Protein backbone atom coordinates (compact mmCIF):
# COMPACT_ATOMS: atom_id res chain seq x y z
CA MET A 1 90.52 101.97 89.54
CA ASP A 2 90.44 105.39 88.01
CA ASN A 3 93.50 105.04 85.78
CA GLY A 4 92.16 102.55 83.23
CA ARG A 5 92.58 103.52 79.57
CA PRO A 6 91.36 102.10 76.25
CA ALA A 7 93.46 99.41 74.60
CA GLY A 8 96.26 100.95 72.56
CA ALA A 9 96.39 104.18 74.58
CA GLY A 10 99.95 105.43 74.95
CA ASP A 11 99.53 106.10 78.65
CA ARG A 12 98.01 102.72 79.54
CA ILE A 13 99.41 101.26 82.76
CA ALA A 14 100.37 97.58 82.88
CA LEU A 15 99.79 95.15 85.74
CA PRO A 16 101.69 91.90 86.31
CA VAL A 17 99.69 88.70 86.75
CA ALA A 18 101.30 85.56 88.21
CA GLY A 19 99.74 82.16 88.77
CA ASP A 20 100.16 78.41 88.46
CA ASP A 21 96.80 77.73 86.76
CA ALA A 22 97.14 78.84 83.13
CA ASP A 23 93.38 79.05 82.56
CA ALA A 24 92.81 81.09 85.70
CA LYS A 25 95.71 83.38 84.82
CA GLN A 26 94.25 84.00 81.36
CA LEU A 27 90.89 84.82 82.94
CA VAL A 28 92.52 87.35 85.28
CA MET A 29 94.51 88.83 82.40
CA ARG A 30 91.28 89.35 80.42
CA LEU A 31 89.74 91.02 83.48
CA VAL A 32 92.76 93.32 83.86
CA ASP A 33 92.46 94.25 80.18
CA SER A 34 88.71 94.90 80.48
CA LEU A 35 89.43 97.28 83.38
CA GLY A 36 91.70 99.33 81.12
CA PHE A 37 95.16 98.03 81.98
CA ASP A 38 97.69 95.99 80.01
CA PRO A 39 98.17 92.57 81.62
CA VAL A 40 101.71 91.22 81.73
CA ASP A 41 102.32 87.52 82.32
CA ALA A 42 104.59 87.49 85.37
CA GLY A 43 105.10 83.72 85.43
CA THR A 44 104.27 81.30 88.21
CA LEU A 45 103.55 81.85 91.88
CA ASP A 46 107.14 80.86 92.69
CA GLY A 47 108.28 84.01 90.90
CA SER A 48 105.52 86.26 92.15
CA TRP A 49 107.89 87.77 94.72
CA ARG A 50 109.12 89.93 91.81
CA GLN A 51 105.98 92.08 92.22
CA GLN A 52 105.93 92.32 96.01
CA PRO A 53 106.69 95.44 98.13
CA ASP A 54 110.16 96.91 97.65
CA THR A 55 110.47 95.60 94.08
CA PRO A 56 110.67 97.88 91.00
CA VAL A 57 107.09 97.20 89.83
CA TYR A 58 105.29 97.39 93.17
CA GLY A 59 103.06 100.45 93.15
CA ALA A 60 104.73 101.77 89.98
CA ASP A 61 102.79 103.10 87.00
CA ARG A 62 104.73 101.48 84.15
CA ASP A 63 103.77 100.43 80.66
CA ALA A 64 104.03 96.76 79.65
CA ASP A 65 107.70 97.02 78.67
CA GLY A 66 108.45 98.82 81.92
CA VAL A 67 106.72 96.10 83.93
CA ARG A 68 108.71 93.41 82.11
CA ARG A 69 111.95 95.30 82.81
CA GLY A 70 110.99 95.81 86.45
CA LEU A 71 110.21 92.13 86.92
CA ALA A 72 113.58 91.24 85.39
CA GLU A 73 115.40 93.77 87.63
CA ALA A 74 113.82 92.52 90.88
CA ARG A 75 116.25 91.01 93.36
CA PRO A 76 115.39 88.86 96.40
């Protein structure tokens, strides 16, 4: 990905991460961070539909607060 930025950068994009295995999710979140993106805990796999196509966060370049808002705004 070409849009990664250093931690703390004002224009850093956030990516939601959902999963049922807490340890695996933390590993993925560390990977997302190391690639230059802010990881956002998006809950369990049951709620992962909130980041699927046609939801506010899908394909959107939002910061962490924007991703959290988008996940909250998603409707089935």
